[in-house]
């Protein structure tokens, strides 16, 4: 009887361990996709940043656009277009994983 309880306890612990490892791997992939998504480091006025393809990998993410300097941007259907001005655009990508809330900021320098 004791051996059966030990085996059942070990199975429960192993199952929980595998479950948590899968959730951690999912969150790691989420951060890796955010960091490796191709956003250009510099962009000219009139250029676009397309976040539509990011929805293929992550469906429930949000983004926030902040401008530094004399930059005007337009955002339509997850496509960000730089309208005018030199400066910098900071895009904050955020999403909930299984274990925590993750946020990655990417800065883009706008040149004339």
C-alpha atoms as a PDB file:
ATOM      1  CA  UNK A   1       0.000   0.000   0.000  1.00  0.00           C
ATOM      2  CA  UNK A   2       2.841   2.430   0.854  1.00  0.00           C
ATOM      3  CA  UNK A   3       4.601   1.654  -2.404  1.00  0.00           C
ATOM      4  CA  UNK A   4       1.414   2.447  -4.355  1.00  0.00           C
ATOM      5  CA  UNK A   5       1.019   5.812  -2.611  1.00  0.00           C
ATOM      6  CA  UNK A   6       4.668   6.665  -3.288  1.00  0.00           C
ATOM      7  CA  UNK A   7       4.275   5.801  -6.964  1.00  0.00           C
ATOM      8  CA  UNK A   8       1.079   7.862  -7.242  1.00  0.00           C
ATOM      9  CA  UNK A   9       2.739  10.791  -5.464  1.00  0.00           C
ATOM     10  CA  UNK A  10       5.748  10.598  -7.778  1.00  0.00           C
ATOM     11  CA  UNK A  11       3.442  10.526 -10.824  1.00  0.00           C
ATOM     12  CA  UNK A  12       1.570  13.601  -9.614  1.00  0.00           C
ATOM     13  CA  UNK A  13       4.820  15.503  -8.990  1.00  0.00           C
ATOM     14  CA  UNK A  14       6.220  14.455 -12.387  1.00  0.00           C
ATOM     15  CA  UNK A  15       2.999  15.469 -14.153  1.00  0.00           C
ATOM     16  CA  UNK A  16       2.999  18.892 -12.504  1.00  0.00           C
ATOM     17  CA  UNK A  17       6.669  19.320 -13.387  1.00  0.00           C
ATOM     18  CA  UNK A  18       6.076  18.513 -17.058  1.00  0.00           C
ATOM     19  CA  UNK A  19       3.066  20.856 -17.110  1.00  0.00           C
ATOM     20  CA  UNK A  20       5.080  23.765 -15.652  1.00  0.00           C
ATOM     21  CA  UNK A  21       7.995  23.147 -18.018  1.00  0.00           C
ATOM     22  CA  UNK A  22       5.623  23.319 -21.010  1.00  0.00           C
ATOM     23  CA  UNK A  23       4.191  26.627 -19.749  1.00  0.00           C
ATOM     24  CA  UNK A  24       7.679  28.069 -19.206  1.00  0.00           C
ATOM     25  CA  UNK A  25       8.704  27.000 -22.721  1.00  0.00           C
ATOM     26  CA  UNK A  26       5.631  28.742 -24.151  1.00  0.00           C
ATOM     27  CA  UNK A  27       6.505  31.966 -22.325  1.00  0.00           C
ATOM     28  CA  UNK A  28      10.130  31.717 -23.460  1.00  0.00           C
ATOM     29  CA  UNK A  29       8.970  31.370 -27.087  1.00  0.00           C
ATOM     30  CA  UNK A  30       6.712  34.399 -26.633  1.00  0.00           C
ATOM     31  CA  UNK A  31       9.607  36.580 -25.505  1.00  0.00           C
ATOM     32  CA  UNK A  32      11.854  35.175 -28.226  1.00  0.00           C
ATOM     33  CA  UNK A  33       9.293  36.036 -30.934  1.00  0.00           C
ATOM     34  CA  UNK A  34       8.936  39.592 -29.574  1.00  0.00           C
ATOM     35  CA  UNK A  35      12.692  40.165 -29.478  1.00  0.00           C
ATOM     36  CA  UNK A  36      13.391  38.624 -32.884  1.00  0.00           C
ATOM     37  CA  UNK A  37      10.495  40.204 -34.810  1.00  0.00           C
ATOM     38  CA  UNK A  38      12.076  42.218 -37.656  1.00  0.00           C
ATOM     39  CA  UNK A  39      11.559  45.879 -36.827  1.00  0.00           C
ATOM     40  CA  UNK A  40      14.079  48.139 -38.569  1.00  0.00           C
ATOM     41  CA  UNK A  41      16.429  50.154 -36.334  1.00  0.00           C
ATOM     42  CA  UNK A  42      16.198  53.207 -38.647  1.00  0.00           C
ATOM     43  CA  UNK A  43      13.418  54.365 -40.928  1.00  0.00           C
ATOM     44  CA  UNK A  44      12.876  57.231 -43.349  1.00  0.00           C
ATOM     45  CA  UNK A  45       9.883  59.557 -43.321  1.00  0.00           C
ATOM     46  CA  UNK A  46       7.065  57.819 -45.205  1.00  0.00           C
ATOM     47  CA  UNK A  47       8.254  54.348 -44.179  1.00  0.00           C
ATOM     48  CA  UNK A  48       5.990  51.722 -42.638  1.00  0.00           C
ATOM     49  CA  UNK A  49       6.263  49.221 -39.820  1.00  0.00           C
ATOM     50  CA  UNK A  50       4.047  46.193 -40.385  1.00  0.00           C
ATOM     51  CA  UNK A  51       2.893  44.419 -37.210  1.00  0.00           C
ATOM     52  CA  UNK A  52       0.232  42.387 -39.036  1.00  0.00           C
ATOM     53  CA  UNK A  53       2.565  39.426 -39.524  1.00  0.00           C
ATOM     54  CA  UNK A  54       3.202  39.305 -35.780  1.00  0.00           C
ATOM     55  CA  UNK A  55      -0.451  38.253 -35.374  1.00  0.00           C
ATOM     56  CA  UNK A  56       0.403  35.002 -37.163  1.00  0.00           C
ATOM     57  CA  UNK A  57       2.590  34.015 -34.217  1.00  0.00           C
ATOM     58  CA  UNK A  58       0.881  35.818 -31.305  1.00  0.00           C
ATOM     59  CA  UNK A  59      -2.836  36.566 -31.525  1.00  0.00           C
ATOM     60  CA  UNK A  60      -3.391  38.320 -28.210  1.00  0.00           C
ATOM     61  CA  UNK A  61      -0.666  40.945 -28.033  1.00  0.00           C
ATOM     62  CA  UNK A  62      -1.024  44.698 -27.669  1.00  0.00           C
ATOM     63  CA  UNK A  63       1.241  47.450 -28.821  1.00  0.00           C
ATOM     64  CA  UNK A  64       1.710  51.043 -27.771  1.00  0.00           C
ATOM     65  CA  UNK A  65       3.422  53.738 -29.823  1.00  0.00           C
ATOM     66  CA  UNK A  66       5.398  56.544 -28.187  1.00  0.00           C
ATOM     67  CA  UNK A  67       7.158  59.283 -30.116  1.00  0.00           C
ATOM     68  CA  UNK A  68      10.206  61.232 -29.057  1.00  0.00           C
ATOM     69  CA  UNK A  69      11.094  64.350 -30.947  1.00  0.00           C
ATOM     70  CA  UNK A  70       9.206  65.885 -33.843  1.00  0.00           C
ATOM     71  CA  UNK A  71       7.652  62.678 -35.217  1.00  0.00           C
ATOM     72  CA  UNK A  72       4.079  62.139 -36.415  1.00  0.00           C
ATOM     73  CA  UNK A  73       2.841  58.580 -36.941  1.00  0.00           C
ATOM     74  CA  UNK A  74      -0.389  57.095 -38.282  1.00  0.00           C
ATOM     75  CA  UNK A  75      -1.589  53.654 -37.238  1.00  0.00           C
ATOM     76  CA  UNK A  76      -4.164  51.818 -39.351  1.00  0.00           C
ATOM     77  CA  UNK A  77      -4.865  48.065 -39.089  1.00  0.00           C
ATOM     78  CA  UNK A  78      -1.609  47.250 -37.276  1.00  0.00           C
ATOM     79  CA  UNK A  79       0.455  49.093 -39.889  1.00  0.00           C
ATOM     80  CA  UNK A  80       2.360  52.083 -38.539  1.00  0.00           C
ATOM     81  CA  UNK A  81       3.301  54.777 -41.049  1.00  0.00           C
ATOM     82  CA  UNK A  82       5.753  57.559 -40.243  1.00  0.00           C
ATOM     83  CA  UNK A  83       4.164  60.760 -41.541  1.00  0.00           C
ATOM     84  CA  UNK A  84       6.790  63.377 -40.778  1.00  0.00           C
ATOM     85  CA  UNK A  85       9.723  64.549 -38.744  1.00  0.00           C
ATOM     86  CA  UNK A  86      13.034  63.368 -37.398  1.00  0.00           C
ATOM     87  CA  UNK A  87      13.149  61.761 -33.987  1.00  0.00           C
ATOM     88  CA  UNK A  88      12.465  58.379 -32.492  1.00  0.00           C
ATOM     89  CA  UNK A  89       9.499  56.016 -32.277  1.00  0.00           C
ATOM     90  CA  UNK A  90       9.305  53.525 -29.403  1.00  0.00           C
ATOM     91  CA  UNK A  91       7.007  50.538 -29.864  1.00  0.00           C
ATOM     92  CA  UNK A  92       6.072  48.610 -26.720  1.00  0.00           C
ATOM     93  CA  UNK A  93       4.897  45.084 -27.474  1.00  0.00           C
ATOM     94  CA  UNK A  94       3.115  43.369 -24.593  1.00  0.00           C
ATOM     95  CA  UNK A  95       1.241  40.136 -24.008  1.00  0.00           C
ATOM     96  CA  UNK A  96       0.209  37.789 -21.237  1.00  0.00           C
ATOM     97  CA  UNK A  97       2.003  34.482 -21.115  1.00  0.00           C
ATOM     98  CA  UNK A  98       0.937  31.567 -18.962  1.00  0.00           C
ATOM     99  CA  UNK A  99       3.057  32.621 -16.021  1.00  0.00           C
ATOM    100  CA  UNK A 100       3.488  36.395 -16.273  1.00  0.00           C
ATOM    101  CA  UNK A 101       2.954  39.607 -18.277  1.00  0.00           C
ATOM    102  CA  UNK A 102       5.754  40.319 -20.758  1.00  0.00           C
ATOM    103  CA  UNK A 103       6.691  43.626 -22.356  1.00  0.00           C
ATOM    104  CA  UNK A 104       9.412  44.341 -24.912  1.00  0.00           C
ATOM    105  CA  UNK A 105      10.269  47.848 -26.125  1.00  0.00           C
ATOM    106  CA  UNK A 106      11.841  48.492 -29.522  1.00  0.00           C
ATOM    107  CA  UNK A 107      13.194  51.911 -30.536  1.00  0.00           C
ATOM    108  CA  UNK A 108      13.288  53.098 -34.159  1.00  0.00           C
ATOM    109  CA  UNK A 109      15.281  56.139 -35.213  1.00  0.00           C
ATOM    110  CA  UNK A 110      13.501  58.281 -37.825  1.00  0.00           C
ATOM    111  CA  UNK A 111      15.702  60.105 -40.322  1.00  0.00           C
ATOM    112  CA  UNK A 112      14.811  62.629 -43.032  1.00  0.00           C
END
